[in-house]
N, C-alpha and C. Protein backbone atom coordinates (compact mmCIF):
# COMPACT_ATOMS: atom_id res chain seq x y z
N MET A 1 -1.75 15.70 1.39
CA MET A 1 -1.20 14.53 1.20
C MET A 1 0.23 14.17 0.62
N PRO A 2 0.92 13.42 0.87
CA PRO A 2 2.21 13.17 0.73
C PRO A 2 1.73 12.71 -0.70
N ARG A 3 2.51 12.83 -1.77
CA ARG A 3 1.95 12.10 -3.26
C ARG A 3 3.27 10.97 -3.85
N ILE A 4 2.54 9.86 -3.62
CA ILE A 4 3.39 8.60 -3.50
C ILE A 4 3.23 8.29 -5.75
N GLY A 5 4.57 7.94 -6.22
CA GLY A 5 4.88 7.18 -7.52
C GLY A 5 5.50 5.71 -7.45
N PRO A 6 4.53 5.84 -8.94
CA PRO A 6 5.75 4.09 -9.21
C PRO A 6 6.63 3.54 -8.48
N SER A 7 7.14 4.84 -8.22
CA SER A 7 9.34 4.44 -7.81
C SER A 7 9.20 4.65 -6.55
N ASP A 8 7.95 5.18 -6.09
CA ASP A 8 8.61 4.60 -4.49
C ASP A 8 7.04 3.48 -4.16
N LEU A 9 7.18 2.82 -4.70
CA LEU A 9 6.62 1.42 -3.71
C LEU A 9 7.36 0.74 -3.12
N HIS A 10 8.32 1.07 -3.58
CA HIS A 10 9.52 -0.61 -3.22
C HIS A 10 9.97 0.14 -1.59
N PHE A 11 9.71 1.45 -0.97
CA PHE A 11 8.87 1.61 0.42
C PHE A 11 8.28 0.34 1.27
N ILE A 12 7.58 0.08 0.78
CA ILE A 12 6.18 -0.86 1.20
C ILE A 12 6.86 -1.88 1.94
N GLU A 13 8.02 -2.93 0.90
CA GLU A 13 8.98 -3.65 1.28
C GLU A 13 9.84 -4.11 1.94
N ARG A 14 10.08 -2.95 2.50
CA ARG A 14 11.65 -2.89 3.84
C ARG A 14 10.92 -4.13 4.32
N SER A 15 11.90 -4.53 5.31
CA SER A 15 11.74 -5.73 6.29
C SER A 15 12.97 -5.89 6.60
N PRO A 16 13.57 -6.09 8.23
CA PRO A 16 11.97 -6.27 8.93
C PRO A 16 11.10 -4.42 9.04
N THR A 17 9.56 -4.71 9.24
CA THR A 17 9.27 -3.28 9.90
C THR A 17 8.59 -3.82 10.82
N SER A 18 7.74 -2.81 11.35
CA SER A 18 6.96 -2.89 12.89
C SER A 18 5.12 -2.73 12.09
N PRO A 19 4.05 -3.16 12.28
CA PRO A 19 3.29 -3.17 11.65
C PRO A 19 2.55 -1.77 11.40
N ALA A 20 2.84 -0.66 13.05
CA ALA A 20 2.48 0.55 12.78
C ALA A 20 3.07 0.93 11.07
N ALA A 21 4.69 1.03 11.20
CA ALA A 21 5.33 1.65 10.02
C ALA A 21 4.78 0.89 8.72
N LEU A 22 4.39 -0.36 8.86
CA LEU A 22 4.17 -0.47 7.41
C LEU A 22 2.17 0.00 6.72
N SER A 23 1.32 -0.33 8.16
CA SER A 23 -0.18 0.13 7.63
C SER A 23 0.43 1.72 8.00
N SER A 24 1.43 2.42 7.74
CA SER A 24 1.27 4.03 7.78
C SER A 24 1.49 4.01 6.31
N GLY A 25 2.87 2.84 5.25
CA GLY A 25 3.08 2.69 3.91
C GLY A 25 1.89 2.11 2.93
N ILE A 26 1.18 1.46 3.79
CA ILE A 26 -0.01 0.97 3.14
C ILE A 26 -1.15 2.12 2.74
N ARG A 27 -1.48 3.08 4.22
CA ARG A 27 -2.32 3.51 3.87
C ARG A 27 -2.08 4.58 2.75
N GLU A 28 -0.72 5.22 2.54
CA GLU A 28 -0.58 6.69 1.70
C GLU A 28 -0.54 6.03 0.58
N VAL A 29 -0.51 4.70 0.11
CA VAL A 29 -0.40 3.80 -0.93
C VAL A 29 -2.05 3.66 -1.88
N LEU A 30 -2.75 3.47 -0.63
CA LEU A 30 -4.61 3.77 -0.76
C LEU A 30 -4.85 4.74 -1.57
N ASN A 31 -4.21 5.83 -0.40
CA ASN A 31 -5.22 7.22 -0.67
C ASN A 31 -4.28 8.04 -1.79
N CYS A 32 -2.87 7.23 -2.60
CA CYS A 32 -2.59 8.02 -3.92
C CYS A 32 -3.55 7.26 -4.69
N SER A 33 -4.09 6.31 -5.00
CA SER A 33 -4.90 4.89 -5.13
C SER A 33 -6.42 5.71 -6.31
N MET A 34 -6.20 5.42 -7.62
CA MET A 34 -8.05 5.59 -8.30
C MET A 34 -8.84 4.27 -7.66
N SER A 35 -8.07 3.48 -8.20
CA SER A 35 -9.08 2.08 -7.25
C SER A 35 -8.56 1.26 -7.00
N THR A 36 -8.89 0.26 -6.20
CA THR A 36 -8.10 -0.67 -4.53
C THR A 36 -8.86 -2.56 -5.18
N LYS A 37 -8.26 -2.84 -4.38
CA LYS A 37 -9.52 -3.93 -4.49
C LYS A 37 -7.96 -4.72 -3.14
N ALA A 38 -8.89 -5.46 -2.68
CA ALA A 38 -7.67 -7.14 -1.95
C ALA A 38 -8.34 -8.51 -1.49
N LYS A 39 -7.52 -9.35 -1.96
CA LYS A 39 -7.53 -10.65 -1.71
C LYS A 39 -6.74 -11.74 -0.99
N VAL A 40 -7.46 -11.99 -0.10
CA VAL A 40 -6.82 -13.13 0.81
C VAL A 40 -6.56 -14.49 0.76
N GLU A 41 -5.73 -14.15 0.42
CA GLU A 41 -4.39 -15.58 -0.81
C GLU A 41 -4.82 -16.61 -0.59
N SER A 42 -4.63 -16.89 1.22
CA SER A 42 -4.37 -17.72 2.05
C SER A 42 -4.17 -17.75 3.70
N TYR A 43 -4.66 -18.29 4.47
CA TYR A 43 -4.23 -18.50 5.42
C TYR A 43 -4.36 -19.75 6.25
N ASN A 44 -3.58 -19.80 7.77
CA ASN A 44 -2.77 -21.31 7.62
C ASN A 44 -4.07 -20.95 9.26
N TRP A 45 -4.60 -21.86 9.19
CA TRP A 45 -4.91 -22.10 10.66
C TRP A 45 -4.70 -22.68 11.88
N GLU A 46 -3.62 -23.30 11.64
CA GLU A 46 -2.34 -23.84 12.08
C GLU A 46 -1.32 -22.73 13.33
N THR A 47 -1.01 -22.19 12.60
CA THR A 47 -0.21 -20.32 13.11
C THR A 47 -0.37 -19.43 12.30
N GLY A 48 -1.72 -19.45 12.14
CA GLY A 48 -2.11 -17.49 11.79
C GLY A 48 -1.15 -17.24 10.96
N GLU A 49 -0.78 -17.92 10.15
CA GLU A 49 0.57 -17.12 8.90
C GLU A 49 -1.03 -16.46 8.02
N TYR A 50 -0.94 -16.04 7.63
CA TYR A 50 -1.74 -15.13 5.75
C TYR A 50 -1.18 -14.29 5.62
N ARG A 51 -1.87 -14.55 3.55
CA ARG A 51 -1.23 -13.80 2.85
C ARG A 51 -2.25 -12.71 1.78
N ILE A 52 -1.93 -11.60 2.09
CA ILE A 52 -3.09 -10.60 1.66
C ILE A 52 -2.64 -10.55 0.55
N VAL A 53 -3.04 -9.99 -0.68
CA VAL A 53 -2.48 -9.22 -1.85
C VAL A 53 -3.37 -7.93 -2.57
N LEU A 54 -3.00 -7.22 -2.11
CA LEU A 54 -3.17 -5.44 -3.39
C LEU A 54 -3.80 -5.17 -3.78
N GLN A 55 -4.13 -5.11 -4.81
CA GLN A 55 -4.03 -4.26 -6.01
C GLN A 55 -4.47 -3.02 -6.23
N GLY A 56 -4.22 -2.29 -7.10
CA GLY A 56 -4.61 -1.08 -7.47
C GLY A 56 -4.45 -0.57 -8.73
N THR A 57 -4.33 1.12 -8.31
CA THR A 57 -4.19 2.18 -10.09
C THR A 57 -3.39 3.22 -9.44
N LEU A 58 -2.57 4.33 -9.05
CA LEU A 58 -1.70 5.10 -8.73
C LEU A 58 -3.00 5.94 -9.45
N ASP A 59 -2.93 7.06 -8.63
CA ASP A 59 -3.29 8.39 -9.72
C ASP A 59 -2.51 9.26 -9.69
N LEU A 60 -2.43 9.09 -11.43
CA LEU A 60 -0.99 10.11 -12.05
C LEU A 60 -1.29 11.08 -12.12
N ASP A 61 -2.52 12.10 -11.63
CA ASP A 61 -2.04 13.21 -11.86
C ASP A 61 -1.89 13.91 -10.98
N GLU A 62 -0.54 14.72 -11.17
CA GLU A 62 0.07 15.17 -10.72
C GLU A 62 -1.09 16.78 -10.57
N THR A 63 -1.66 17.56 -10.83
CA THR A 63 -2.47 18.16 -10.68
C THR A 63 -3.10 18.71 -9.63
N LYS A 64 -3.38 16.83 -9.18
CA LYS A 64 -4.64 17.54 -7.87
C LYS A 64 -3.78 17.23 -6.47
N TYR A 65 -2.80 17.28 -6.84
CA TYR A 65 -1.41 17.03 -4.99
C TYR A 65 -0.35 18.83 -4.99
N GLN A 66 -1.27 18.92 -5.92
CA GLN A 66 -0.36 20.81 -6.31
C GLN A 66 -1.00 21.59 -4.95
N GLY A 67 0.01 22.17 -4.43
CA GLY A 67 -0.55 23.03 -3.62
C GLY A 67 -1.08 22.70 -2.06
N LYS A 68 -1.45 21.76 -2.09
CA LYS A 68 -2.05 20.81 -0.77
C LYS A 68 -0.78 19.83 -0.19
């Protein structure tokens, strides 16, 4: 599994990006996290626009990722 560190988080903010590329980046961050939660902050029924906030704690224990 690729190791994601705090300095790597900016890559998910690159814009424009395809939904598939964003999904892949978020999946990597979630997989390297010890805990996560999501909150739907808003949804516009007329336009379909939404805002989702992800919050988590990265697992900084590098020994888990050595040799993998």
